[in-house]
Amino acid sequence: MGIERVLDEIRNGRIVLVYDFDEREKETDMTIASEFLRVEDLRRMRKDAGGLVCTTTPYERAKALGLPFMADIYADDSAKYPLMAAMAPTDIPYDGTKSSFGVTVNHRKTYTGITDADRTLTINEYARIIFQEKDDKSIMEDLGRNFRAPGHVHLLNASERILTTRRGHTELCTALMIMAGVKPSATICEMLGNNGGSETKENTMAYAEREGLAFITGDEVISAWELFRKSKE
């Protein structure tokens, strides 16, 4: 699948499928630009993918706005809650870095926060607010005024030097948003199988073909990213 078709699909607000690597998670995620997510897209992720719906934040935005990695929150609280230190995610079998999980949020205009409509509102507004052309202090005030935590949307913080120190779906999908020129937050959801594990690469490729969705691998994303990065130097 050509990178240009994938980027065009993202610009047009469509879901694309991103497979990571045979030597990593061996998972395919449904991915869409957070700013374009619709209720029907969230429903499709829930029904056809079935994994955890998460929304990514570029490292620089997360750092500037004080949106922490959850692992850091647990580490900072370990003196009060020693169990948190014992449960530190230091043995993730497919990843030598800490988990990309950040905090969880609900928009204050949601009710329970878990419905397709509630999560779509939370994600759309999150993407809108964090990329406003305002100073960081004003954006932080907007976040505090519009969101409560914890909630039902899981935020993921991309790693520093994207696709260099970590090459997970958080980074792959955020890089696709950057290359597409949309707001660089992706909403992603793992595709699960009916056998208790992840859906196979072959089955997700067949799903993409059947549904007319673009499919891309992690190796293809990284190749495109290297060319994109060099063009910006």
Protein backbone atom coordinates (compact mmCIF):
# COMPACT_ATOMS: atom_id res chain seq x y z
CA MET A 1 0.00 0.00 0.00
CA GLY A 2 1.49 3.33 -1.02
CA ILE A 3 2.18 5.89 1.69
CA GLU A 4 0.46 8.64 -0.32
CA ARG A 5 -2.84 6.77 -0.36
CA VAL A 6 -2.58 6.25 3.41
CA LEU A 7 -1.87 9.94 4.01
CA ASP A 8 -4.71 10.98 1.71
CA GLU A 9 -7.10 8.71 3.61
CA ILE A 10 -5.99 10.33 6.88
CA ARG A 11 -6.50 13.82 5.45
CA ASN A 12 -9.97 12.78 4.35
CA GLY A 13 -10.89 11.64 7.85
CA ARG A 14 -10.91 7.91 7.17
CA ILE A 15 -9.69 5.00 9.27
CA VAL A 16 -6.47 3.31 8.14
CA LEU A 17 -4.93 0.09 9.47
CA VAL A 18 -1.37 0.09 10.83
CA TYR A 19 0.50 -3.16 11.54
CA ASP A 20 3.60 -2.76 13.67
CA PHE A 21 6.31 -5.44 13.29
CA ASP A 22 6.62 -9.23 13.29
CA GLU A 23 9.24 -8.93 16.05
CA ARG A 24 7.20 -6.56 18.23
CA GLU A 25 3.50 -6.75 19.16
CA LYS A 26 2.43 -8.32 15.84
CA GLU A 27 -0.73 -6.22 16.08
CA THR A 28 -2.79 -4.11 13.71
CA ASP A 29 -4.42 -0.94 15.00
CA MET A 30 -7.32 0.95 13.50
CA THR A 31 -6.14 4.55 13.28
CA ILE A 32 -7.81 7.86 12.52
CA ALA A 33 -6.93 11.53 13.01
CA SER A 34 -8.44 12.50 16.38
CA GLU A 35 -9.80 15.76 14.99
CA PHE A 36 -11.89 13.87 12.40
CA LEU A 37 -13.20 11.05 14.60
CA ARG A 38 -16.97 10.55 14.29
CA VAL A 39 -19.35 8.54 16.44
CA GLU A 40 -19.61 5.90 13.71
CA ASP A 41 -15.81 5.57 13.66
CA LEU A 42 -15.69 5.00 17.41
CA ARG A 43 -18.46 2.42 17.07
CA ARG A 44 -16.51 0.66 14.33
CA MET A 45 -13.41 0.53 16.49
CA ARG A 46 -15.40 -0.90 19.36
CA LYS A 47 -17.15 -3.54 17.25
CA ASP A 48 -14.67 -4.47 14.52
CA ALA A 49 -11.40 -3.91 16.39
CA GLY A 50 -12.36 -4.51 20.02
CA GLY A 51 -9.18 -3.33 21.74
CA LEU A 52 -8.57 -0.28 23.89
CA VAL A 53 -9.44 3.07 22.32
CA CYS A 54 -6.57 5.50 22.98
CA THR A 55 -5.59 8.98 21.82
CA THR A 56 -2.00 10.05 21.23
CA THR A 57 -0.18 13.25 22.14
CA PRO A 58 3.18 14.29 20.65
CA TYR A 59 5.95 14.32 23.26
CA GLU A 60 6.60 18.05 22.99
CA ARG A 61 2.91 18.93 23.53
CA ALA A 62 2.58 16.56 26.48
CA LYS A 63 5.71 17.96 28.11
CA ALA A 64 4.76 21.60 27.53
CA LEU A 65 1.25 21.10 28.93
CA GLY A 66 2.24 18.99 31.92
CA LEU A 67 0.53 15.80 30.71
CA PRO A 68 2.57 13.08 32.44
CA PHE A 69 3.30 9.46 31.68
CA MET A 70 1.27 7.35 34.08
CA ALA A 71 4.43 5.42 35.00
CA ASP A 72 5.95 8.68 36.27
CA ILE A 73 2.87 9.43 38.38
CA TYR A 74 3.13 5.99 39.98
CA ALA A 75 6.86 6.42 40.56
CA ASP A 76 6.34 9.80 42.20
CA ASP A 77 3.66 8.36 44.49
CA SER A 78 5.65 5.25 45.42
CA ALA A 79 6.71 6.63 48.80
CA LYS A 80 3.05 6.85 49.79
CA TYR A 81 1.98 3.76 47.85
CA PRO A 82 4.96 1.34 47.81
CA LEU A 83 3.08 -1.17 45.70
CA MET A 84 3.32 1.24 42.77
CA ALA A 85 7.11 0.91 42.79
CA ALA A 86 6.87 -2.87 42.87
CA MET A 87 4.50 -2.81 39.87
CA ALA A 88 6.74 -0.60 37.71
CA PRO A 89 6.50 -1.66 34.02
CA THR A 90 10.16 -2.66 33.67
CA ASP A 91 9.56 -6.03 32.00
CA ILE A 92 7.37 -5.27 28.99
CA PRO A 93 8.33 -8.19 26.73
CA TYR A 94 8.16 -6.31 23.41
CA ASP A 95 9.47 -2.91 24.52
CA GLY A 96 12.60 -1.73 26.32
CA THR A 97 11.10 1.63 27.22
CA LYS A 98 8.41 2.59 29.69
CA SER A 99 4.75 2.39 28.78
CA SER A 100 3.34 5.23 26.69
CA PHE A 101 0.18 5.41 28.81
CA GLY A 102 -0.65 8.84 30.13
CA VAL A 103 -3.68 9.98 32.13
CA THR A 104 -7.33 9.22 31.34
CA VAL A 105 -9.86 11.98 30.70
CA ASN A 106 -13.53 12.77 30.10
CA HIS A 107 -14.86 16.01 28.67
CA ARG A 108 -16.93 17.81 31.28
CA LYS A 109 -19.94 17.85 28.93
CA THR A 110 -20.09 14.05 28.87
CA TYR A 111 -22.37 12.02 31.14
CA THR A 112 -20.76 8.67 31.97
CA GLY A 113 -17.96 9.26 29.47
CA ILE A 114 -17.96 5.72 28.04
CA THR A 115 -20.56 5.94 25.28
CA ASP A 116 -19.49 6.30 21.67
CA ALA A 117 -20.85 9.85 21.60
CA ASP A 118 -19.17 10.77 24.89
CA ARG A 119 -15.76 9.43 23.90
CA THR A 120 -15.98 11.04 20.47
CA LEU A 121 -16.72 14.41 22.07
CA THR A 122 -13.82 13.98 24.50
CA ILE A 123 -11.37 13.06 21.73
CA ASN A 124 -12.48 15.76 19.28
CA GLU A 125 -12.27 18.48 21.91
CA TYR A 126 -8.95 17.23 23.26
CA ALA A 127 -7.39 17.45 19.79
CA ARG A 128 -8.91 20.86 19.20
CA ILE A 129 -7.76 22.34 22.48
CA ILE A 130 -4.16 21.09 22.74
CA PHE A 131 -3.25 22.41 19.28
CA GLN A 132 -4.76 25.86 19.66
CA GLU A 133 -2.63 28.81 18.64
CA LYS A 134 -2.41 30.05 22.21
CA ASP A 135 0.31 30.13 24.80
CA ASP A 136 0.74 26.94 26.83
CA LYS A 137 -0.61 28.48 30.04
CA SER A 138 -3.90 29.38 28.32
CA ILE A 139 -4.18 25.90 26.83
CA MET A 140 -3.57 24.34 30.25
CA GLU A 141 -6.36 26.50 31.65
CA ASP A 142 -8.64 25.34 28.83
CA LEU A 143 -7.79 21.71 29.56
CA GLY A 144 -8.60 22.14 33.25
CA ARG A 145 -11.83 23.94 32.46
CA ASN A 146 -13.03 21.40 29.88
CA PHE A 147 -11.80 18.01 31.12
CA ARG A 148 -11.87 15.92 34.25
CA ALA A 149 -9.57 13.07 35.18
CA PRO A 150 -9.68 10.14 35.49
CA GLY A 151 -12.00 9.36 32.62
CA HIS A 152 -12.72 6.91 29.82
CA VAL A 153 -10.33 8.12 27.10
CA HIS A 154 -6.82 6.78 27.54
CA LEU A 155 -4.14 9.27 26.51
CA LEU A 156 -0.84 8.00 25.13
CA ASN A 157 2.31 10.15 25.14
CA ALA A 158 4.62 9.61 22.17
CA SER A 159 8.29 9.20 23.00
CA GLU A 160 10.88 11.94 22.56
CA ARG A 161 12.62 11.79 19.14
CA ILE A 162 9.65 9.98 17.65
CA LEU A 163 10.37 6.60 16.02
CA THR A 164 13.94 6.70 17.32
CA THR A 165 13.74 5.64 20.96
CA ARG A 166 10.42 3.79 20.59
CA ARG A 167 8.56 2.37 17.61
CA GLY A 168 5.15 1.47 18.99
CA HIS A 169 1.74 2.23 17.54
CA THR A 170 1.73 5.48 19.52
CA GLU A 171 4.71 6.71 17.54
CA LEU A 172 3.83 5.10 14.19
CA CYS A 173 0.35 6.59 14.14
CA THR A 174 1.41 10.01 15.43
CA ALA A 175 4.10 10.13 12.73
CA LEU A 176 1.45 9.40 10.10
CA MET A 177 -0.61 12.36 11.36
CA ILE A 178 2.44 14.62 11.17
CA MET A 179 3.24 13.50 7.62
CA ALA A 180 -0.41 13.97 6.60
CA GLY A 181 -0.34 17.56 7.88
CA VAL A 182 -3.34 17.15 10.21
CA LYS A 183 -3.41 17.83 13.94
CA PRO A 184 -0.80 15.31 15.16
CA SER A 185 -3.00 13.25 17.45
CA ALA A 186 -4.14 9.79 16.39
CA THR A 187 -6.96 7.78 17.91
CA ILE A 188 -6.09 4.10 17.78
CA CYS A 189 -7.57 0.73 18.71
CA GLU A 190 -6.04 -2.76 18.51
CA MET A 191 -7.76 -5.34 16.31
CA LEU A 192 -8.47 -8.49 18.33
CA GLY A 193 -9.26 -11.98 17.07
CA ASN A 194 -11.81 -14.56 18.13
CA ASN A 195 -9.19 -16.93 19.51
CA GLY A 196 -8.30 -14.94 22.62
CA GLY A 197 -5.39 -13.15 20.98
CA SER A 198 -4.70 -10.37 18.51
CA GLU A 199 -6.12 -10.61 15.02
CA THR A 200 -3.54 -11.98 12.58
CA LYS A 201 -1.84 -9.78 10.01
CA GLU A 202 -3.38 -11.86 7.23
CA ASN A 203 -6.89 -11.41 8.60
CA THR A 204 -6.50 -7.67 9.12
CA MET A 205 -5.17 -7.31 5.57
CA ALA A 206 -8.19 -9.24 4.30
CA TYR A 207 -10.47 -6.98 6.37
CA ALA A 208 -8.83 -3.90 4.86
CA GLU A 209 -9.32 -5.29 1.36
CA ARG A 210 -12.93 -6.20 2.02
CA GLU A 211 -13.79 -2.84 3.60
CA GLY A 212 -11.78 -0.69 1.19
CA LEU A 213 -9.43 0.57 3.91
CA ALA A 214 -5.76 1.46 3.50
CA PHE A 215 -3.26 -0.86 5.22
CA ILE A 216 0.37 -0.05 6.03
CA THR A 217 3.18 -1.72 7.96
CA GLY A 218 5.54 -0.26 10.52
CA ASP A 219 8.50 -0.72 8.16
CA GLU A 220 6.70 1.33 5.50
CA VAL A 221 5.89 4.07 8.01
CA ILE A 222 9.50 4.27 9.17
CA SER A 223 10.82 4.43 5.59
CA ALA A 224 8.41 7.26 4.79
CA TRP A 225 9.25 9.02 8.06
CA GLU A 226 12.99 8.98 7.33
CA LEU A 227 12.41 10.62 3.95
CA PHE A 228 9.99 13.13 5.48
CA ARG A 229 12.42 14.01 8.27
CA LYS A 230 15.31 14.49 5.85
CA SER A 231 13.16 16.76 3.68
CA LYS A 232 12.60 19.02 6.71
CA GLU A 233 16.27 19.29 7.69
